[in-house]
Amino acid sequence: QVQLVESGGGLVQAGGSLRLSCVVTGSSDFSLQTVGWYRQRPGKAREFVADIMTRGSRDIRAYSDSVKGRFTISRDNAKNTLFLQMSNLNPEGTGVYYCSRATIDWGKGIKVTVSS
């Protein structure tokens, strides 16, 4: 059974940074999967934030327009871990962040609150 566990959330002031981590267990082919981050802001539907796929030695990343240039997604395939470095956060970044493996398996989410 695949499990994803997020960590690293919390409260941060606008302009600050946070780094989210997601450990994936029970998956023997983590390095071959597209993994990503999604978020659900208060009163909104869940939305795409970023994802990453590895093809050979190359990582291919995609970002939503709202986070491009401020967030960086990365992965450590040896540790089955996904990261999201979030910089220059603003209050619009408040929400619950979920990691996902191929949009099939999901973590329980981690709360991020950005105060103004």
C-alpha atoms as a PDB file:
ATOM      1  CA  GLN A   1       0.000   0.000   0.000  1.00  0.00           C
ATOM      2  CA  VAL A   2       1.401   3.359  -1.030  1.00  0.00           C
ATOM      3  CA  GLN A   3       1.498   6.013   1.659  1.00  0.00           C
ATOM      4  CA  LEU A   4       2.503   9.654   1.398  1.00  0.00           C
ATOM      5  CA  VAL A   5       3.285  11.749   4.454  1.00  0.00           C
ATOM      6  CA  GLU A   6       3.788  15.484   4.236  1.00  0.00           C
ATOM      7  CA  SER A   7       5.738  17.608   6.695  1.00  0.00           C
ATOM      8  CA  GLY A   8       7.180  21.095   6.994  1.00  0.00           C
ATOM      9  CA  GLY A   9       4.040  23.192   7.066  1.00  0.00           C
ATOM     10  CA  GLY A  10       3.234  25.879   9.582  1.00  0.00           C
ATOM     11  CA  LEU A  11       2.813  29.585  10.058  1.00  0.00           C
ATOM     12  CA  VAL A  12       5.011  32.047   8.215  1.00  0.00           C
ATOM     13  CA  GLN A  13       4.880  35.778   7.596  1.00  0.00           C
ATOM     14  CA  ALA A  14       4.338  37.181   4.128  1.00  0.00           C
ATOM     15  CA  GLY A  15       7.631  37.280   2.292  1.00  0.00           C
ATOM     16  CA  GLY A  16       8.946  34.284   4.185  1.00  0.00           C
ATOM     17  CA  SER A  17       9.830  30.765   3.097  1.00  0.00           C
ATOM     18  CA  LEU A  18       8.869  27.204   3.929  1.00  0.00           C
ATOM     19  CA  ARG A  19      10.057  23.860   2.665  1.00  0.00           C
ATOM     20  CA  LEU A  20       7.574  21.041   2.448  1.00  0.00           C
ATOM     21  CA  SER A  21       8.622  17.404   2.319  1.00  0.00           C
ATOM     22  CA  CYS A  22       6.704  14.310   1.342  1.00  0.00           C
ATOM     23  CA  VAL A  23       7.972  10.802   2.026  1.00  0.00           C
ATOM     24  CA  VAL A  24       6.490   8.091  -0.159  1.00  0.00           C
ATOM     25  CA  THR A  25       6.500   4.514   1.104  1.00  0.00           C
ATOM     26  CA  GLY A  26       5.211   1.311  -0.441  1.00  0.00           C
ATOM     27  CA  SER A  27       6.153   2.340  -3.959  1.00  0.00           C
ATOM     28  CA  SER A  28       8.895   0.403  -5.707  1.00  0.00           C
ATOM     29  CA  ASP A  29       9.030   2.695  -8.716  1.00  0.00           C
ATOM     30  CA  PHE A  30       8.979   6.159  -7.166  1.00  0.00           C
ATOM     31  CA  SER A  31      11.680   7.398  -9.517  1.00  0.00           C
ATOM     32  CA  LEU A  32       9.545   6.546 -12.555  1.00  0.00           C
ATOM     33  CA  GLN A  33       6.410   8.290 -11.329  1.00  0.00           C
ATOM     34  CA  THR A  34       5.217  11.825 -11.797  1.00  0.00           C
ATOM     35  CA  VAL A  35       4.794  13.260  -8.315  1.00  0.00           C
ATOM     36  CA  GLY A  36       3.488  16.634  -7.383  1.00  0.00           C
ATOM     37  CA  TRP A  37       1.998  19.119  -5.006  1.00  0.00           C
ATOM     38  CA  TYR A  38      -1.549  20.390  -4.900  1.00  0.00           C
ATOM     39  CA  ARG A  39      -3.235  22.764  -2.511  1.00  0.00           C
ATOM     40  CA  GLN A  40      -6.677  23.640  -1.309  1.00  0.00           C
ATOM     41  CA  ARG A  41      -7.115  27.214  -0.261  1.00  0.00           C
ATOM     42  CA  PRO A  42      -9.976  28.188   2.088  1.00  0.00           C
ATOM     43  CA  GLY A  43     -13.273  28.065   0.232  1.00  0.00           C
ATOM     44  CA  LYS A  44     -11.623  26.890  -2.996  1.00  0.00           C
ATOM     45  CA  ALA A  45     -11.276  23.616  -4.861  1.00  0.00           C
ATOM     46  CA  ARG A  46      -8.029  21.691  -4.797  1.00  0.00           C
ATOM     47  CA  GLU A  47      -5.615  23.051  -7.389  1.00  0.00           C
ATOM     48  CA  PHE A  48      -2.362  22.072  -9.032  1.00  0.00           C
ATOM     49  CA  VAL A  49       0.804  23.684  -7.702  1.00  0.00           C
ATOM     50  CA  ALA A  50       3.737  21.816  -9.243  1.00  0.00           C
ATOM     51  CA  ASP A  51       4.848  18.416 -10.396  1.00  0.00           C
ATOM     52  CA  ILE A  52       8.014  16.680 -11.480  1.00  0.00           C
ATOM     53  CA  MET A  53       8.885  13.695 -13.600  1.00  0.00           C
ATOM     54  CA  THR A  54      12.273  12.147 -14.130  1.00  0.00           C
ATOM     55  CA  ARG A  55      13.213  10.951 -17.587  1.00  0.00           C
ATOM     56  CA  GLY A  56      16.676   9.429 -17.664  1.00  0.00           C
ATOM     57  CA  SER A  57      18.930  11.905 -15.933  1.00  0.00           C
ATOM     58  CA  ARG A  58      16.605  14.824 -16.543  1.00  0.00           C
ATOM     59  CA  ASP A  59      13.911  16.228 -14.249  1.00  0.00           C
ATOM     60  CA  ILE A  60      10.979  17.861 -16.003  1.00  0.00           C
ATOM     61  CA  ARG A  61       9.078  20.349 -13.840  1.00  0.00           C
ATOM     62  CA  ALA A  62       5.772  22.106 -14.250  1.00  0.00           C
ATOM     63  CA  TYR A  63       4.339  24.926 -12.152  1.00  0.00           C
ATOM     64  CA  SER A  64       1.096  26.789 -11.904  1.00  0.00           C
ATOM     65  CA  ASP A  65       1.367  30.396 -13.038  1.00  0.00           C
ATOM     66  CA  SER A  66       0.610  31.617  -9.522  1.00  0.00           C
ATOM     67  CA  VAL A  67       3.762  30.048  -8.042  1.00  0.00           C
ATOM     68  CA  LYS A  68       6.175  30.107 -10.963  1.00  0.00           C
ATOM     69  CA  GLY A  69       9.404  31.799 -10.005  1.00  0.00           C
ATOM     70  CA  ARG A  70       8.721  31.523  -6.277  1.00  0.00           C
ATOM     71  CA  PHE A  71       8.303  27.778  -5.668  1.00  0.00           C
ATOM     72  CA  THR A  72      10.737  25.017  -6.596  1.00  0.00           C
ATOM     73  CA  ILE A  73       9.849  21.340  -6.706  1.00  0.00           C
ATOM     74  CA  SER A  74      12.529  18.701  -6.356  1.00  0.00           C
ATOM     75  CA  ARG A  75      12.894  15.053  -5.488  1.00  0.00           C
ATOM     76  CA  ASP A  76      15.359  12.664  -3.929  1.00  0.00           C
ATOM     77  CA  ASN A  77      14.712   9.348  -5.620  1.00  0.00           C
ATOM     78  CA  ALA A  78      17.124   7.512  -3.319  1.00  0.00           C
ATOM     79  CA  LYS A  79      14.963   8.531  -0.357  1.00  0.00           C
ATOM     80  CA  ASN A  80      11.562   8.418  -2.076  1.00  0.00           C
ATOM     81  CA  THR A  81      11.062  12.007  -1.008  1.00  0.00           C
ATOM     82  CA  LEU A  82       9.490  14.967  -2.716  1.00  0.00           C
ATOM     83  CA  PHE A  83      10.134  18.581  -1.753  1.00  0.00           C
ATOM     84  CA  LEU A  84       8.537  21.937  -2.349  1.00  0.00           C
ATOM     85  CA  GLN A  85      10.626  25.001  -1.553  1.00  0.00           C
ATOM     86  CA  MET A  86       8.282  27.958  -1.213  1.00  0.00           C
ATOM     87  CA  SER A  87       9.749  31.449  -1.201  1.00  0.00           C
ATOM     88  CA  ASN A  88       8.311  34.942  -1.103  1.00  0.00           C
ATOM     89  CA  LEU A  89       5.068  33.571   0.253  1.00  0.00           C
ATOM     90  CA  ASN A  90       1.966  35.734   0.298  1.00  0.00           C
ATOM     91  CA  PRO A  91      -1.387  35.252   2.067  1.00  0.00           C
ATOM     92  CA  GLU A  92      -2.774  33.631  -1.115  1.00  0.00           C
ATOM     93  CA  GLY A  93      -0.480  30.730  -0.293  1.00  0.00           C
ATOM     94  CA  THR A  94      -2.510  29.818   2.768  1.00  0.00           C
ATOM     95  CA  GLY A  95      -4.100  26.414   2.507  1.00  0.00           C
ATOM     96  CA  VAL A  96      -3.639  22.696   2.879  1.00  0.00           C
ATOM     97  CA  TYR A  97      -0.901  21.275   0.689  1.00  0.00           C
ATOM     98  CA  TYR A  98      -1.089  17.710  -0.559  1.00  0.00           C
ATOM     99  CA  CYS A  99       1.502  15.593  -2.263  1.00  0.00           C
ATOM    100  CA  SER A 100       0.402  13.106  -4.835  1.00  0.00           C
ATOM    101  CA  ARG A 101       1.862  10.182  -6.716  1.00  0.00           C
ATOM    102  CA  ALA A 102       0.547  10.203 -10.244  1.00  0.00           C
ATOM    103  CA  THR A 103      -2.689  11.800  -8.917  1.00  0.00           C
ATOM    104  CA  ILE A 104      -3.613   8.315  -7.760  1.00  0.00           C
ATOM    105  CA  ASP A 105      -2.255   8.263  -4.240  1.00  0.00           C
ATOM    106  CA  TRP A 106      -2.516  11.256  -1.926  1.00  0.00           C
ATOM    107  CA  GLY A 107      -1.159  12.357   1.394  1.00  0.00           C
ATOM    108  CA  LYS A 108      -3.419  13.663   4.136  1.00  0.00           C
ATOM    109  CA  GLY A 109      -2.185  17.185   3.630  1.00  0.00           C
ATOM    110  CA  ILE A 110      -0.214  19.719   5.618  1.00  0.00           C
ATOM    111  CA  LYS A 111      -1.434  23.153   6.601  1.00  0.00           C
ATOM    112  CA  VAL A 112       0.385  26.301   5.538  1.00  0.00           C
ATOM    113  CA  THR A 113      -0.677  29.668   6.894  1.00  0.00           C
ATOM    114  CA  VAL A 114       0.821  32.886   5.570  1.00  0.00           C
ATOM    115  CA  SER A 115       0.101  35.929   7.688  1.00  0.00           C
ATOM    116  CA  SER A 116       0.075  39.425   6.233  1.00  0.00           C
END
